[in-house]
């Protein structure tokens, strides 16, 4: 089957690699345009774009998929299907109609739960007991197309978003390949109207820690925001990122109060305490929380 693969970040690479190793033919890759990164702000290719170029695959980087040059190029490529993983742009209907079997999306949730840009982050923050990956046909409505197949992943309540995305990128690559293998013989099933939830992008403003919330809620927020955008708080007027923590026994602390000893840093919350495990102060590298705690300037410092 002739395929044009669409994807942008590194989480899409396992699927691209799996398809390159399959009997299917990747005739081109579509990815987002080069973007400024690092201190130099120099435009660099996306992870998918860089990988494809290294592999000798033609790379298309339209600013938007509605651009006439891109529409013409995709039409000339005449793909049977366009597998897509975290591409990052809405595809207009006339472009959805170009491949014979449509655009087949690998999405990292058990649709219809968590439609949107941050399904794994939202699942962890909500305390879901499981998540998974879904292959479905793209339609104009956000993540609402009919479903081909799913894989499920139980959550133990200790995973970060990075952990889960790594696992789903791997198992999802196999799921997408199997879906494409039998695409011509499979009829996708419409999503149920019940159980729809939305997963909008998580910004830094969404993950400031409110110490009046329960410790369990804060732990989920911290794990969901790791590796990005990373949960944060302030101490002595400076921002402190909290990368890892865990609920602890009630230390008798009021919300935001700290208790630091040689091996632990505890923070009071609205319900229970939270033990900080890994933190990152402004201008510093990530470090074990007790190492950070020993460097506090005052014994009465608190998190706000």
Protein backbone atom coordinates (compact mmCIF):
# COMPACT_ATOMS: atom_id res chain seq x y z
CA UNK A 1 0.00 0.00 0.00
CA UNK A 2 1.32 3.47 -0.90
CA UNK A 3 1.47 5.62 2.23
CA UNK A 4 2.18 9.25 3.04
CA UNK A 5 3.02 9.44 6.75
CA UNK A 6 2.14 12.56 8.77
CA UNK A 7 3.75 13.27 12.13
CA UNK A 8 5.94 15.76 13.95
CA UNK A 9 7.39 14.92 17.43
CA UNK A 10 9.56 12.01 18.50
CA UNK A 11 6.54 10.09 19.82
CA UNK A 12 5.58 9.48 16.16
CA UNK A 13 8.91 7.89 15.26
CA UNK A 14 8.18 4.31 16.43
CA UNK A 15 5.16 4.21 14.11
CA UNK A 16 7.15 5.55 11.18
CA UNK A 17 9.94 3.06 11.80
CA UNK A 18 7.44 0.18 12.05
CA UNK A 19 5.84 1.14 8.74
CA UNK A 20 9.23 1.43 7.04
CA UNK A 21 9.93 -2.14 8.16
CA UNK A 22 6.57 -3.36 6.85
CA UNK A 23 5.62 -4.33 3.29
CA UNK A 24 3.96 -0.93 2.84
CA UNK A 25 5.70 1.82 0.85
CA UNK A 26 6.28 5.23 2.48
CA UNK A 27 6.41 7.58 -0.52
CA UNK A 28 6.64 10.82 1.51
CA UNK A 29 6.39 12.30 5.00
CA UNK A 30 4.34 15.34 6.01
CA UNK A 31 5.48 17.26 9.08
CA UNK A 32 5.31 20.73 10.59
CA UNK A 33 7.71 23.40 9.27
CA UNK A 34 11.10 23.95 10.87
CA UNK A 35 10.71 25.79 14.18
CA UNK A 36 13.08 27.89 16.36
CA UNK A 37 14.65 25.93 19.21
CA UNK A 38 17.27 26.37 21.88
CA UNK A 39 19.01 29.54 22.91
CA UNK A 40 19.96 30.41 19.34
CA UNK A 41 16.31 30.23 18.22
CA UNK A 42 17.62 28.80 14.95
CA UNK A 43 14.93 26.97 12.93
CA UNK A 44 15.43 23.21 13.05
CA UNK A 45 13.43 20.34 11.53
CA UNK A 46 10.95 18.35 13.55
CA UNK A 47 12.09 14.97 14.86
CA UNK A 48 10.04 13.22 12.18
CA UNK A 49 11.30 15.54 9.45
CA UNK A 50 14.94 15.01 10.45
CA UNK A 51 14.50 11.22 10.59
CA UNK A 52 12.77 11.10 7.20
CA UNK A 53 15.42 13.26 5.54
CA UNK A 54 18.17 11.02 6.94
CA UNK A 55 16.29 7.98 5.58
CA UNK A 56 16.01 9.56 2.13
CA UNK A 57 12.23 9.98 2.24
CA UNK A 58 10.77 13.11 0.58
CA UNK A 59 9.56 15.57 3.23
CA UNK A 60 6.64 17.99 2.82
CA UNK A 61 6.38 20.88 5.31
CA UNK A 62 3.31 22.98 4.49
CA UNK A 63 2.47 25.79 6.88
CA UNK A 64 -1.09 24.51 6.61
CA UNK A 65 -2.44 21.45 4.78
CA UNK A 66 -4.86 23.63 2.83
CA UNK A 67 -2.02 25.23 0.81
CA UNK A 68 -2.52 24.66 -2.92
CA UNK A 69 1.06 23.49 -3.52
CA UNK A 70 0.66 20.84 -0.82
CA UNK A 71 -2.74 19.71 -2.12
CA UNK A 72 -1.26 19.32 -5.59
CA UNK A 73 1.80 17.45 -4.29
CA UNK A 74 -0.29 15.03 -2.23
CA UNK A 75 -2.63 14.44 -5.17
CA UNK A 76 0.34 13.63 -7.42
CA UNK A 77 1.69 11.16 -4.85
CA UNK A 78 -1.64 9.28 -5.04
CA UNK A 79 -1.41 7.57 -1.64
CA UNK A 80 -3.74 4.73 -0.72
CA UNK A 81 -3.79 6.02 2.87
CA UNK A 82 -2.17 8.64 5.08
CA UNK A 83 -1.25 7.30 8.53
CA UNK A 84 -0.92 10.15 11.02
CA UNK A 85 0.57 10.34 14.51
CA UNK A 86 0.70 13.66 16.38
CA UNK A 87 0.96 15.74 13.21
CA UNK A 88 -0.25 18.93 14.89
CA UNK A 89 -2.50 20.58 12.29
CA UNK A 90 -6.14 20.23 11.27
CA UNK A 91 -6.59 18.60 7.87
CA UNK A 92 -9.34 20.09 5.65
CA UNK A 93 -11.94 17.83 4.08
CA UNK A 94 -10.66 18.06 0.52
CA UNK A 95 -7.27 16.85 1.72
CA UNK A 96 -8.87 14.10 3.81
CA UNK A 97 -10.52 12.91 0.60
CA UNK A 98 -7.31 12.53 -1.43
CA UNK A 99 -6.14 9.08 -0.26
CA UNK A 100 -8.31 6.17 -1.30
CA UNK A 101 -8.73 4.90 2.26
CA UNK A 102 -8.48 8.25 4.01
CA UNK A 103 -6.22 9.45 6.83
CA UNK A 104 -5.74 6.84 9.57
CA UNK A 105 -4.88 8.38 12.94
CA UNK A 106 -3.09 6.75 15.86
CA UNK A 107 -4.38 8.54 18.98
CA UNK A 108 -3.11 7.88 22.49
CA UNK A 109 -6.36 7.33 24.35
CA UNK A 110 -9.32 4.98 24.42
CA UNK A 111 -11.65 7.07 22.31
CA UNK A 112 -14.16 8.59 22.80
CA UNK A 113 -12.42 9.41 26.10
CA UNK A 114 -9.86 12.20 25.87
CA UNK A 115 -10.27 13.71 22.43
CA UNK A 116 -7.71 16.43 21.87
CA UNK A 117 -4.06 17.41 22.11
CA UNK A 118 -3.12 16.06 25.56
CA UNK A 119 -4.89 12.72 26.11
CA UNK A 120 -2.16 11.07 28.19
CA UNK A 121 -1.62 14.10 30.43
CA UNK A 122 -5.35 14.44 31.06
CA UNK A 123 -5.80 10.72 31.77
CA UNK A 124 -3.09 10.79 34.44
CA UNK A 125 -4.33 14.02 35.96
CA UNK A 126 -7.84 12.57 36.19
CA UNK A 127 -6.59 9.43 37.92
CA UNK A 128 -7.78 7.03 35.20
CA UNK A 129 -7.18 3.35 35.94
CA UNK A 130 -6.32 2.63 32.31
CA UNK A 131 -5.60 4.29 29.01
CA UNK A 132 -4.57 3.01 25.60
CA UNK A 133 -4.28 3.78 21.91
CA UNK A 134 -6.87 3.94 19.14
CA UNK A 135 -6.69 3.86 15.36
CA UNK A 136 -9.51 5.69 13.61
CA UNK A 137 -10.32 7.45 10.35
CA UNK A 138 -9.88 11.22 10.50
CA UNK A 139 -12.97 13.37 9.98
CA UNK A 140 -13.40 17.12 10.26
CA UNK A 141 -14.66 16.94 13.86
CA UNK A 142 -11.85 16.62 16.41
CA UNK A 143 -10.91 12.96 17.02
CA UNK A 144 -14.49 11.88 16.30
CA UNK A 145 -13.98 9.49 13.38
CA UNK A 146 -14.95 5.81 13.30
CA UNK A 147 -12.64 3.40 15.13
CA UNK A 148 -10.66 0.54 13.59
CA UNK A 149 -8.96 -0.94 16.65
CA UNK A 150 -7.66 -0.27 20.17
CA UNK A 151 -5.04 -1.49 22.63
CA UNK A 152 -5.41 -0.99 26.38
CA UNK A 153 -2.79 -0.08 28.99
CA UNK A 154 -3.50 -0.35 32.74
CA UNK A 155 -2.21 2.49 34.91
CA UNK A 156 -0.72 1.79 38.34
CA UNK A 157 -0.95 5.39 39.54
CA UNK A 158 2.81 5.97 39.56
CA UNK A 159 3.51 6.68 35.85
CA UNK A 160 4.45 10.02 34.33
CA UNK A 161 3.12 11.18 30.98
CA UNK A 162 6.55 10.44 29.55
CA UNK A 163 6.40 6.85 30.77
CA UNK A 164 2.96 6.28 29.27
CA UNK A 165 3.71 7.98 25.95
CA UNK A 166 6.83 5.85 25.54
CA UNK A 167 4.82 2.68 26.14
CA UNK A 168 1.94 3.72 23.88
CA UNK A 169 4.24 4.90 21.09
CA UNK A 170 5.70 1.39 20.99
CA UNK A 171 2.47 -0.63 21.22
CA UNK A 172 0.67 1.91 19.07
CA UNK A 173 3.19 1.42 16.26
CA UNK A 174 2.14 -2.23 16.04
CA UNK A 175 -1.52 -1.27 16.26
CA UNK A 176 -1.21 1.20 13.37
CA UNK A 177 0.67 -1.31 11.23
CA UNK A 178 -1.96 -4.01 11.84
CA UNK A 179 -4.73 -1.55 11.02
CA UNK A 180 -3.10 -0.66 7.71
CA UNK A 181 -2.41 -4.33 6.92
CA UNK A 182 -6.13 -5.09 6.89
CA UNK A 183 -7.45 -1.66 5.98
CA UNK A 184 -9.11 -2.73 2.74
CA UNK A 185 -11.04 -5.51 4.52
CA UNK A 186 -12.08 -3.58 7.67
CA UNK A 187 -15.08 -1.36 8.29
CA UNK A 188 -14.49 1.06 11.18
CA UNK A 189 -17.11 1.37 13.93
CA UNK A 190 -18.63 4.78 14.81
CA UNK A 191 -17.67 6.10 18.23
CA UNK A 192 -20.41 6.02 20.89
CA UNK A 193 -22.00 9.33 21.80
CA UNK A 194 -21.62 8.57 25.50
CA UNK A 195 -18.32 8.92 27.33
CA UNK A 196 -16.84 11.77 25.31
CA UNK A 197 -14.27 13.82 27.23
CA UNK A 198 -11.92 16.51 25.95
CA UNK A 199 -8.16 16.78 26.41
CA UNK A 200 -7.07 20.34 25.58
CA UNK A 201 -3.38 21.26 25.54
CA UNK A 202 -1.83 21.62 29.01
CA UNK A 203 -0.04 24.95 29.49
CA UNK A 204 2.30 26.08 32.26
CA UNK A 205 -0.49 28.15 33.81
CA UNK A 206 -2.56 24.96 34.20
CA UNK A 207 0.04 23.20 36.33
CA UNK A 208 0.82 25.68 39.10
CA UNK A 209 0.45 23.69 42.30
CA UNK A 210 -2.37 24.74 44.62
CA UNK A 211 -1.31 23.44 48.02
CA UNK A 212 -4.88 23.58 49.34
CA UNK A 213 -5.71 20.66 47.01
CA UNK A 214 -5.37 17.05 48.28
CA UNK A 215 -1.97 15.40 48.03
CA UNK A 216 -3.37 12.73 45.68
CA UNK A 217 -4.60 15.40 43.26
CA UNK A 218 -1.24 17.21 43.32
CA UNK A 219 0.64 13.97 42.70
CA UNK A 220 -1.47 13.29 39.61
CA UNK A 221 -0.91 16.82 38.33
CA UNK A 222 2.85 16.52 38.79
CA UNK A 223 3.05 13.15 37.01
CA UNK A 224 0.76 14.33 34.22
CA UNK A 225 2.89 17.43 33.63
CA UNK A 226 6.15 15.45 33.43
CA UNK A 227 8.09 15.85 31.12
CA UNK A 228 6.20 18.93 29.90
CA UNK A 229 5.17 21.57 30.80
CA UNK A 230 6.30 20.54 34.36
CA UNK A 231 4.36 21.43 37.51
CA UNK A 232 5.64 24.37 39.53
CA UNK A 233 5.29 26.45 42.64
CA UNK A 234 7.19 29.36 44.18
CA UNK A 235 9.49 29.54 47.18
CA UNK A 236 11.02 32.74 48.51
CA UNK A 237 9.74 34.50 45.39
CA UNK A 238 11.41 32.13 42.92
CA UNK A 239 9.87 29.44 40.74
CA UNK A 240 10.49 25.83 41.70
CA UNK A 241 9.64 23.02 39.28
CA UNK A 242 8.41 19.79 40.83
CA UNK A 243 9.17 16.81 38.60
CA UNK A 244 8.33 13.93 40.92
CA UNK A 245 6.54 13.57 44.25
CA UNK A 246 4.33 11.10 46.09
CA UNK A 247 1.56 11.26 48.69
CA UNK A 248 2.78 10.71 52.23
CA UNK A 249 1.32 10.24 55.68
CA UNK A 250 -0.14 13.35 57.27
CA UNK A 251 2.76 15.32 58.73
CA UNK A 252 0.54 17.82 60.53
CA UNK A 253 1.58 20.57 58.13
CA UNK A 254 -0.66 23.36 56.89
CA UNK A 255 -0.89 23.81 53.09
CA UNK A 256 2.43 24.98 51.66
CA UNK A 257 4.45 24.46 54.84
CA UNK A 258 7.71 22.53 54.49
CA UNK A 259 9.36 19.92 56.67
CA UNK A 260 12.91 19.13 55.62
CA UNK A 261 15.19 16.47 57.08
CA UNK A 262 18.29 14.67 55.87
CA UNK A 263 16.42 12.30 53.59
CA UNK A 264 12.97 13.85 52.95
CA UNK A 265 11.09 17.00 52.01
CA UNK A 266 7.41 17.05 52.96
CA UNK A 267 4.85 19.71 52.03
CA UNK A 268 1.49 20.24 53.67
CA UNK A 269 -1.58 20.06 51.42
CA UNK A 270 -5.32 20.38 51.81
CA UNK A 271 -5.48 16.66 52.59
CA UNK A 272 -2.40 14.75 53.69
CA UNK A 273 1.19 15.58 52.85
CA UNK A 274 3.23 15.37 49.68
CA UNK A 275 6.83 14.15 49.68
CA UNK A 276 8.89 15.96 47.06
CA UNK A 277 11.30 13.62 45.26
CA UNK A 278 12.83 15.54 42.34
CA UNK A 279 12.79 19.33 41.91
CA UNK A 280 14.47 21.97 39.77
CA UNK A 281 15.16 25.50 40.97
CA UNK A 282 15.48 28.38 38.52
CA UNK A 283 18.82 28.24 36.72
CA UNK A 284 19.68 24.87 38.26
CA UNK A 285 19.63 21.26 37.14
CA UNK A 286 17.03 18.83 38.41
CA UNK A 287 18.08 17.38 41.77
CA UNK A 288 16.89 15.20 44.61
CA UNK A 289 14.53 17.21 46.80
CA UNK A 290 16.52 16.69 50.05
CA UNK A 291 19.61 18.17 48.36
CA UNK A 292 17.56 21.21 47.37
CA UNK A 293 15.99 21.44 50.83
CA UNK A 294 19.34 21.63 52.58
CA UNK A 295 20.16 24.70 50.50
CA UNK A 296 17.14 26.76 51.62
CA UNK A 297 18.12 30.14 53.00
CA UNK A 298 15.58 30.13 55.83
CA UNK A 299 14.04 27.45 58.01
CA UNK A 300 10.61 29.08 57.62
CA UNK A 301 10.44 28.92 53.80
CA UNK A 302 7.11 27.79 52.42
CA UNK A 303 5.69 26.96 48.99
CA UNK A 304 3.11 29.27 47.46
